[in-house]
Amino acid sequence: MRDTKGHLRFLVLHIISQQPSHGYYIMKKISQIIGAEPPSPGALYPILSSLRKQKYIETYNEGKRKVCRLTDKGKKYLEEHKEELEKALDFAERFRVFSEVCGLSLRNVMDVIFKNAKDLTPEQKERLKHVTEDFERSVYNIIYGGKKS
């Protein structure tokens, strides 16, 4: 999960390669691909700007919307970087499945623990430590048959 910005860049190019797209459509499509909240406009639009500066995409107006399409240079770039695109698509699929299985629950639990961490009593800390250790063992048991890998 280290290079999510690089993955996002390839997902954006992939979506635009399938059809000319405007920013809102790209965000919606990424949300569908990853099975989670879309990237924020603050994450997406700098990527689009960078891709336009590198001449991988070009924009044109369609009504009030600015639509992006892949240039020949962008098509060539995607062809030359098929491996990175495959990694980004694989990451997106893993993220989607993770989100379906437990992503929201884990995020909510981590959020409530983090927000309340400094106010926990020693007993609550100890109980949470045991619960999370039991959870970790259960996950390893489900995935690896009990062996840490």
N, C-alpha and C. Protein backbone atom coordinates (compact mmCIF):
# COMPACT_ATOMS: atom_id res chain seq x y z
N MET A 1 0.82 -1.19 0.00
CA MET A 1 0.00 0.00 0.00
C MET A 1 0.87 1.25 0.00
N ARG A 2 2.12 1.12 -0.38
CA ARG A 2 3.04 2.24 -0.31
C ARG A 2 2.78 3.29 -1.39
N ASP A 3 2.62 2.86 -2.62
CA ASP A 3 2.60 3.80 -3.74
C ASP A 3 1.19 4.05 -4.23
N THR A 4 0.29 4.45 -3.35
CA THR A 4 -1.10 4.64 -3.76
C THR A 4 -1.25 5.78 -4.75
N LYS A 5 -0.43 6.81 -4.64
CA LYS A 5 -0.53 7.92 -5.59
C LYS A 5 -0.14 7.47 -6.99
N GLY A 6 0.91 6.64 -7.09
CA GLY A 6 1.30 6.08 -8.39
C GLY A 6 0.21 5.17 -8.93
N HIS A 7 -0.39 4.39 -8.05
CA HIS A 7 -1.49 3.52 -8.48
C HIS A 7 -2.66 4.36 -8.97
N LEU A 8 -2.95 5.42 -8.25
CA LEU A 8 -4.07 6.29 -8.63
C LEU A 8 -3.82 6.89 -10.01
N ARG A 9 -2.61 7.28 -10.27
CA ARG A 9 -2.23 7.85 -11.57
C ARG A 9 -2.53 6.85 -12.70
N PHE A 10 -2.15 5.58 -12.48
CA PHE A 10 -2.41 4.57 -13.51
C PHE A 10 -3.89 4.24 -13.63
N LEU A 11 -4.61 4.26 -12.53
CA LEU A 11 -6.06 4.03 -12.60
C LEU A 11 -6.74 5.14 -13.40
N VAL A 12 -6.30 6.37 -13.18
CA VAL A 12 -6.86 7.51 -13.93
C VAL A 12 -6.59 7.33 -15.42
N LEU A 13 -5.36 7.02 -15.76
CA LEU A 13 -5.03 6.81 -17.18
C LEU A 13 -5.83 5.66 -17.77
N HIS A 14 -5.98 4.59 -17.01
CA HIS A 14 -6.75 3.43 -17.47
C HIS A 14 -8.20 3.81 -17.77
N ILE A 15 -8.81 4.54 -16.86
CA ILE A 15 -10.21 4.95 -17.04
C ILE A 15 -10.34 5.84 -18.28
N ILE A 16 -9.45 6.81 -18.41
CA ILE A 16 -9.51 7.71 -19.56
C ILE A 16 -9.23 6.95 -20.86
N SER A 17 -8.40 5.90 -20.78
CA SER A 17 -8.11 5.11 -21.99
C SER A 17 -9.34 4.35 -22.47
N GLN A 18 -10.25 4.06 -21.56
CA GLN A 18 -11.47 3.33 -21.93
C GLN A 18 -12.50 4.25 -22.57
N GLN A 19 -12.54 5.50 -22.13
CA GLN A 19 -13.44 6.49 -22.74
C GLN A 19 -13.07 7.87 -22.23
N PRO A 20 -13.23 8.90 -23.06
CA PRO A 20 -13.00 10.25 -22.57
C PRO A 20 -13.88 10.50 -21.33
N SER A 21 -13.32 11.15 -20.33
CA SER A 21 -14.01 11.25 -19.05
C SER A 21 -13.75 12.61 -18.40
N HIS A 22 -14.74 13.06 -17.63
CA HIS A 22 -14.57 14.27 -16.82
C HIS A 22 -14.24 13.86 -15.39
N GLY A 23 -13.80 14.80 -14.60
CA GLY A 23 -13.31 14.51 -13.25
C GLY A 23 -14.29 13.76 -12.37
N TYR A 24 -15.55 14.18 -12.37
CA TYR A 24 -16.54 13.51 -11.51
C TYR A 24 -16.71 12.05 -11.91
N TYR A 25 -16.75 11.79 -13.22
CA TYR A 25 -16.88 10.41 -13.69
C TYR A 25 -15.66 9.58 -13.26
N ILE A 26 -14.47 10.17 -13.36
CA ILE A 26 -13.25 9.46 -12.98
C ILE A 26 -13.30 9.10 -11.49
N MET A 27 -13.71 10.05 -10.65
CA MET A 27 -13.81 9.77 -9.22
C MET A 27 -14.83 8.66 -8.95
N LYS A 28 -15.97 8.73 -9.62
CA LYS A 28 -17.02 7.72 -9.43
C LYS A 28 -16.53 6.34 -9.88
N LYS A 29 -15.84 6.29 -11.00
CA LYS A 29 -15.33 5.03 -11.53
C LYS A 29 -14.26 4.43 -10.61
N ILE A 30 -13.38 5.27 -10.09
CA ILE A 30 -12.36 4.78 -9.15
C ILE A 30 -13.03 4.22 -7.91
N SER A 31 -14.05 4.90 -7.43
CA SER A 31 -14.79 4.41 -6.27
C SER A 31 -15.36 3.01 -6.54
N GLN A 32 -15.89 2.80 -7.73
CA GLN A 32 -16.41 1.47 -8.10
C GLN A 32 -15.30 0.44 -8.17
N ILE A 33 -14.17 0.82 -8.72
CA ILE A 33 -13.05 -0.11 -8.89
C ILE A 33 -12.48 -0.54 -7.54
N ILE A 34 -12.34 0.42 -6.60
CA ILE A 34 -11.73 0.09 -5.32
C ILE A 34 -12.74 -0.30 -4.25
N GLY A 35 -14.04 -0.08 -4.52
CA GLY A 35 -15.06 -0.45 -3.55
C GLY A 35 -15.04 0.39 -2.30
N ALA A 36 -14.66 1.65 -2.43
CA ALA A 36 -14.56 2.54 -1.27
C ALA A 36 -14.81 3.97 -1.74
N GLU A 37 -14.65 4.89 -0.80
CA GLU A 37 -14.82 6.30 -1.12
C GLU A 37 -13.90 6.69 -2.27
N PRO A 38 -14.35 7.58 -3.13
CA PRO A 38 -13.47 8.02 -4.23
C PRO A 38 -12.36 8.91 -3.71
N PRO A 39 -11.32 9.09 -4.51
CA PRO A 39 -10.28 10.04 -4.10
C PRO A 39 -10.90 11.44 -4.06
N SER A 40 -10.35 12.29 -3.25
CA SER A 40 -10.86 13.66 -3.16
C SER A 40 -10.46 14.43 -4.41
N PRO A 41 -11.19 15.49 -4.71
CA PRO A 41 -10.76 16.35 -5.82
C PRO A 41 -9.33 16.86 -5.62
N GLY A 42 -8.94 17.07 -4.35
CA GLY A 42 -7.58 17.53 -4.06
C GLY A 42 -6.52 16.50 -4.39
N ALA A 43 -6.91 15.23 -4.48
CA ALA A 43 -5.97 14.17 -4.89
C ALA A 43 -6.02 13.97 -6.40
N LEU A 44 -7.23 14.05 -6.97
CA LEU A 44 -7.39 13.74 -8.39
C LEU A 44 -6.91 14.86 -9.32
N TYR A 45 -7.31 16.10 -9.05
CA TYR A 45 -7.05 17.16 -10.02
C TYR A 45 -5.56 17.48 -10.21
N PRO A 46 -4.73 17.40 -9.18
CA PRO A 46 -3.29 17.57 -9.44
C PRO A 46 -2.73 16.46 -10.35
N ILE A 47 -3.27 15.25 -10.23
CA ILE A 47 -2.84 14.16 -11.12
C ILE A 47 -3.25 14.47 -12.55
N LEU A 48 -4.49 14.92 -12.73
CA LEU A 48 -4.94 15.28 -14.08
C LEU A 48 -4.10 16.41 -14.65
N SER A 49 -3.78 17.39 -13.82
CA SER A 49 -2.95 18.51 -14.27
C SER A 49 -1.57 18.03 -14.69
N SER A 50 -0.99 17.14 -13.90
CA SER A 50 0.32 16.59 -14.22
C SER A 50 0.27 15.78 -15.52
N LEU A 51 -0.74 14.97 -15.69
CA LEU A 51 -0.89 14.17 -16.91
C LEU A 51 -1.05 15.08 -18.13
N ARG A 52 -1.76 16.19 -17.96
CA ARG A 52 -1.94 17.13 -19.06
C ARG A 52 -0.61 17.82 -19.40
N LYS A 53 0.15 18.22 -18.35
CA LYS A 53 1.45 18.86 -18.58
C LYS A 53 2.42 17.92 -19.29
N GLN A 54 2.32 16.62 -19.00
CA GLN A 54 3.19 15.64 -19.63
C GLN A 54 2.67 15.23 -21.01
N LYS A 55 1.52 15.77 -21.38
CA LYS A 55 0.88 15.52 -22.67
C LYS A 55 0.41 14.07 -22.84
N TYR A 56 0.08 13.42 -21.71
CA TYR A 56 -0.51 12.07 -21.75
C TYR A 56 -2.02 12.16 -21.95
N ILE A 57 -2.59 13.29 -21.54
CA ILE A 57 -4.01 13.54 -21.79
C ILE A 57 -4.16 14.95 -22.33
N GLU A 58 -5.28 15.16 -22.96
CA GLU A 58 -5.66 16.51 -23.37
C GLU A 58 -7.10 16.72 -22.95
N THR A 59 -7.49 17.97 -22.83
CA THR A 59 -8.84 18.26 -22.39
C THR A 59 -9.57 19.07 -23.45
N TYR A 60 -10.89 18.93 -23.41
CA TYR A 60 -11.75 19.74 -24.26
C TYR A 60 -13.04 19.98 -23.49
N ASN A 61 -13.72 21.05 -23.85
CA ASN A 61 -14.95 21.39 -23.15
C ASN A 61 -16.14 20.68 -23.79
N GLU A 62 -16.97 20.15 -22.92
CA GLU A 62 -18.23 19.52 -23.34
C GLU A 62 -19.30 20.13 -22.43
N GLY A 63 -19.95 21.17 -22.93
CA GLY A 63 -20.85 21.93 -22.07
C GLY A 63 -20.02 22.63 -21.01
N LYS A 64 -20.42 22.47 -19.75
CA LYS A 64 -19.68 23.09 -18.65
C LYS A 64 -18.53 22.22 -18.16
N ARG A 65 -18.47 21.01 -18.66
CA ARG A 65 -17.45 20.06 -18.17
C ARG A 65 -16.21 20.06 -19.04
N LYS A 66 -15.09 19.85 -18.35
CA LYS A 66 -13.81 19.67 -19.03
C LYS A 66 -13.59 18.16 -19.13
N VAL A 67 -13.51 17.65 -20.34
CA VAL A 67 -13.37 16.22 -20.57
C VAL A 67 -11.93 15.90 -20.94
N CYS A 68 -11.42 14.80 -20.39
CA CYS A 68 -10.05 14.37 -20.65
C CYS A 68 -10.05 13.18 -21.60
N ARG A 69 -9.13 13.19 -22.52
CA ARG A 69 -8.94 12.03 -23.39
C ARG A 69 -7.45 11.74 -23.49
N LEU A 70 -7.16 10.49 -23.75
CA LEU A 70 -5.78 10.04 -23.87
C LEU A 70 -5.20 10.52 -25.19
N THR A 71 -3.97 10.98 -25.15
CA THR A 71 -3.27 11.36 -26.38
C THR A 71 -2.52 10.13 -26.90
N ASP A 72 -1.95 10.24 -28.07
CA ASP A 72 -1.13 9.14 -28.60
C ASP A 72 0.06 8.89 -27.66
N LYS A 73 0.63 9.98 -27.13
CA LYS A 73 1.74 9.84 -26.17
C LYS A 73 1.26 9.10 -24.92
N GLY A 74 0.04 9.37 -24.47
CA GLY A 74 -0.52 8.69 -23.31
C GLY A 74 -0.76 7.21 -23.58
N LYS A 75 -1.25 6.90 -24.78
CA LYS A 75 -1.46 5.49 -25.16
C LYS A 75 -0.13 4.74 -25.16
N LYS A 76 0.88 5.38 -25.73
CA LYS A 76 2.21 4.77 -25.78
C LYS A 76 2.75 4.57 -24.36
N TYR A 77 2.56 5.56 -23.50
CA TYR A 77 3.01 5.47 -22.12
C TYR A 77 2.36 4.29 -21.41
N LEU A 78 1.05 4.13 -21.59
CA LEU A 78 0.36 3.00 -20.95
C LEU A 78 0.87 1.67 -21.50
N GLU A 79 1.10 1.60 -22.79
CA GLU A 79 1.64 0.37 -23.39
C GLU A 79 3.02 0.05 -22.82
N GLU A 80 3.85 1.07 -22.67
CA GLU A 80 5.20 0.87 -22.16
C GLU A 80 5.22 0.56 -20.66
N HIS A 81 4.14 0.85 -19.98
CA HIS A 81 4.07 0.65 -18.53
C HIS A 81 2.94 -0.31 -18.15
N LYS A 82 2.76 -1.33 -18.97
CA LYS A 82 1.71 -2.32 -18.71
C LYS A 82 1.87 -2.97 -17.34
N GLU A 83 3.11 -3.24 -16.96
CA GLU A 83 3.36 -3.90 -15.68
C GLU A 83 2.89 -3.03 -14.51
N GLU A 84 3.18 -1.73 -14.56
CA GLU A 84 2.74 -0.82 -13.51
C GLU A 84 1.22 -0.72 -13.48
N LEU A 85 0.60 -0.69 -14.67
CA LEU A 85 -0.85 -0.65 -14.74
C LEU A 85 -1.45 -1.91 -14.13
N GLU A 86 -0.88 -3.06 -14.44
CA GLU A 86 -1.36 -4.32 -13.85
C GLU A 86 -1.22 -4.31 -12.34
N LYS A 87 -0.12 -3.77 -11.84
CA LYS A 87 0.06 -3.66 -10.38
C LYS A 87 -1.00 -2.75 -9.77
N ALA A 88 -1.30 -1.65 -10.44
CA ALA A 88 -2.32 -0.73 -9.94
C ALA A 88 -3.69 -1.38 -9.94
N LEU A 89 -4.01 -2.12 -11.00
CA LEU A 89 -5.31 -2.81 -11.07
C LEU A 89 -5.39 -3.93 -10.03
N ASP A 90 -4.27 -4.62 -9.81
CA ASP A 90 -4.23 -5.66 -8.79
C ASP A 90 -4.42 -5.04 -7.40
N PHE A 91 -3.74 -3.94 -7.15
CA PHE A 91 -3.90 -3.24 -5.88
C PHE A 91 -5.35 -2.82 -5.67
N ALA A 92 -5.96 -2.27 -6.73
CA ALA A 92 -7.35 -1.83 -6.64
C ALA A 92 -8.28 -3.00 -6.33
N GLU A 93 -8.04 -4.15 -6.93
CA GLU A 93 -8.86 -5.33 -6.67
C GLU A 93 -8.68 -5.81 -5.24
N ARG A 94 -7.44 -5.84 -4.76
CA ARG A 94 -7.20 -6.23 -3.36
C ARG A 94 -7.89 -5.25 -2.40
N PHE A 95 -7.81 -3.98 -2.72
CA PHE A 95 -8.44 -2.96 -1.88
C PHE A 95 -9.95 -3.13 -1.88
N ARG A 96 -10.53 -3.43 -3.05
CA ARG A 96 -11.98 -3.63 -3.16
C ARG A 96 -12.43 -4.81 -2.30
N VAL A 97 -11.72 -5.93 -2.42
CA VAL A 97 -12.08 -7.11 -1.63
C VAL A 97 -11.89 -6.84 -0.15
N PHE A 98 -10.77 -6.20 0.22
CA PHE A 98 -10.54 -5.83 1.61
C PHE A 98 -11.69 -4.97 2.14
N SER A 99 -12.10 -3.99 1.35
CA SER A 99 -13.20 -3.11 1.76
C SER A 99 -14.48 -3.90 1.97
N GLU A 100 -14.76 -4.84 1.06
CA GLU A 100 -15.97 -5.65 1.18
C GLU A 100 -15.94 -6.52 2.44
N VAL A 101 -14.79 -7.11 2.72
CA VAL A 101 -14.67 -8.06 3.82
C VAL A 101 -14.66 -7.37 5.17
N CYS A 102 -13.81 -6.35 5.32
CA CYS A 102 -13.67 -5.80 6.66
C CYS A 102 -13.21 -4.35 6.71
N GLY A 103 -13.04 -3.72 5.60
CA GLY A 103 -12.45 -2.38 5.58
C GLY A 103 -13.16 -1.36 6.44
N LEU A 104 -14.47 -1.26 6.31
CA LEU A 104 -15.21 -0.26 7.08
C LEU A 104 -15.17 -0.58 8.56
N SER A 105 -15.36 -1.84 8.92
CA SER A 105 -15.34 -2.22 10.33
C SER A 105 -13.98 -1.93 10.96
N LEU A 106 -12.92 -2.31 10.27
CA LEU A 106 -11.58 -2.05 10.81
C LEU A 106 -11.32 -0.56 10.95
N ARG A 107 -11.71 0.19 9.96
CA ARG A 107 -11.51 1.65 10.02
C ARG A 107 -12.27 2.24 11.20
N ASN A 108 -13.52 1.81 11.39
CA ASN A 108 -14.32 2.33 12.50
C ASN A 108 -13.71 1.97 13.84
N VAL A 109 -13.25 0.73 14.00
CA VAL A 109 -12.65 0.29 15.25
C VAL A 109 -11.36 1.06 15.51
N MET A 110 -10.52 1.17 14.51
CA MET A 110 -9.27 1.91 14.69
C MET A 110 -9.55 3.37 15.04
N ASP A 111 -10.55 3.94 14.41
CA ASP A 111 -10.91 5.33 14.65
C ASP A 111 -11.36 5.54 16.10
N VAL A 112 -12.25 4.66 16.59
CA VAL A 112 -12.75 4.83 17.96
C VAL A 112 -11.65 4.61 18.99
N ILE A 113 -10.77 3.65 18.74
CA ILE A 113 -9.65 3.43 19.66
C ILE A 113 -8.71 4.63 19.64
N PHE A 114 -8.37 5.10 18.45
CA PHE A 114 -7.44 6.23 18.34
C PHE A 114 -8.01 7.48 19.01
N LYS A 115 -9.28 7.78 18.76
CA LYS A 115 -9.89 8.98 19.32
C LYS A 115 -9.95 8.94 20.84
N ASN A 116 -10.04 7.75 21.40
CA ASN A 116 -10.20 7.62 22.84
C ASN A 116 -8.96 7.10 23.56
N ALA A 117 -7.88 6.88 22.84
CA ALA A 117 -6.69 6.22 23.38
C ALA A 117 -6.15 6.88 24.65
N LYS A 118 -6.03 8.17 24.66
CA LYS A 118 -5.42 8.81 25.83
C LYS A 118 -6.32 8.81 27.06
N ASP A 119 -7.62 8.54 26.87
CA ASP A 119 -8.55 8.53 27.99
C ASP A 119 -8.88 7.12 28.49
N LEU A 120 -8.27 6.11 27.90
CA LEU A 120 -8.56 4.73 28.32
C LEU A 120 -7.98 4.45 29.71
N THR A 121 -8.73 3.69 30.46
CA THR A 121 -8.21 3.26 31.77
C THR A 121 -7.21 2.13 31.54
N PRO A 122 -6.37 1.85 32.51
CA PRO A 122 -5.45 0.72 32.37
C PRO A 122 -6.20 -0.59 32.08
N GLU A 123 -7.34 -0.77 32.69
CA GLU A 123 -8.13 -2.00 32.44
C GLU A 123 -8.63 -2.04 30.99
N GLN A 124 -9.11 -0.93 30.47
CA GLN A 124 -9.56 -0.87 29.07
C GLN A 124 -8.41 -1.15 28.11
N LYS A 125 -7.25 -0.57 28.41
CA LYS A 125 -6.07 -0.80 27.56
C LYS A 125 -5.71 -2.28 27.53
N GLU A 126 -5.71 -2.90 28.69
CA GLU A 126 -5.37 -4.32 28.77
C GLU A 126 -6.39 -5.17 28.03
N ARG A 127 -7.67 -4.86 28.20
CA ARG A 127 -8.73 -5.62 27.51
C ARG A 127 -8.62 -5.45 26.00
N LEU A 128 -8.39 -4.23 25.55
CA LEU A 128 -8.23 -3.98 24.11
C LEU A 128 -7.01 -4.69 23.56
N LYS A 129 -5.94 -4.71 24.34
CA LYS A 129 -4.73 -5.41 23.90
C LYS A 129 -5.04 -6.89 23.68
N HIS A 130 -5.75 -7.51 24.61
CA HIS A 130 -6.10 -8.93 24.48
C HIS A 130 -7.05 -9.17 23.31
N VAL A 131 -8.02 -8.29 23.16
CA VAL A 131 -8.99 -8.44 22.06
C VAL A 131 -8.26 -8.35 20.72
N THR A 132 -7.35 -7.39 20.57
CA THR A 132 -6.66 -7.25 19.29
C THR A 132 -5.69 -8.41 19.05
N GLU A 133 -5.06 -8.92 20.10
CA GLU A 133 -4.19 -10.09 19.94
C GLU A 133 -5.01 -11.32 19.55
N ASP A 134 -6.20 -11.47 20.15
CA ASP A 134 -7.09 -12.58 19.77
C ASP A 134 -7.54 -12.43 18.33
N PHE A 135 -7.85 -11.20 17.95
CA PHE A 135 -8.27 -10.93 16.58
C PHE A 135 -7.15 -11.29 15.60
N GLU A 136 -5.94 -10.87 15.92
CA GLU A 136 -4.79 -11.18 15.06
C GLU A 136 -4.63 -12.68 14.89
N ARG A 137 -4.70 -13.42 16.00
CA ARG A 137 -4.59 -14.89 15.93
C ARG A 137 -5.70 -15.49 15.08
N SER A 138 -6.90 -14.97 15.24
CA SER A 138 -8.04 -15.47 14.46
C SER A 138 -7.84 -15.24 12.96
N VAL A 139 -7.34 -14.07 12.62
CA VAL A 139 -7.09 -13.76 11.20
C VAL A 139 -6.04 -14.71 10.64
N TYR A 140 -4.94 -14.90 11.36
CA TYR A 140 -3.91 -15.84 10.90
C TYR A 140 -4.47 -17.25 10.78
N ASN A 141 -5.32 -17.62 11.71
CA ASN A 141 -5.91 -18.95 11.67
C ASN A 141 -6.80 -19.11 10.43
N ILE A 142 -7.58 -18.13 10.12
CA ILE A 142 -8.46 -18.18 8.96
C ILE A 142 -7.64 -18.22 7.67
N ILE A 143 -6.65 -17.35 7.57
CA ILE A 143 -5.91 -17.21 6.32
C ILE A 143 -4.80 -18.25 6.17
N TYR A 144 -4.06 -18.51 7.23
CA TYR A 144 -2.89 -19.39 7.13
C TYR A 144 -3.03 -20.68 7.90
N GLY A 145 -4.20 -20.97 8.41
CA GLY A 145 -4.36 -22.18 9.21
C GLY A 145 -3.63 -22.09 10.54
N GLY A 146 -3.46 -20.86 11.03
CA GLY A 146 -2.86 -20.67 12.33
C GLY A 146 -1.41 -20.28 12.33
N LYS A 147 -0.73 -20.44 11.22
CA LYS A 147 0.71 -20.14 11.17
C LYS A 147 0.91 -18.71 10.71
N LYS A 148 1.77 -17.99 11.41
CA LYS A 148 2.13 -16.65 10.93
C LYS A 148 3.01 -16.81 9.70
N SER A 149 2.72 -16.00 8.70
CA SER A 149 3.51 -16.10 7.48
C SER A 149 4.09 -14.74 7.12
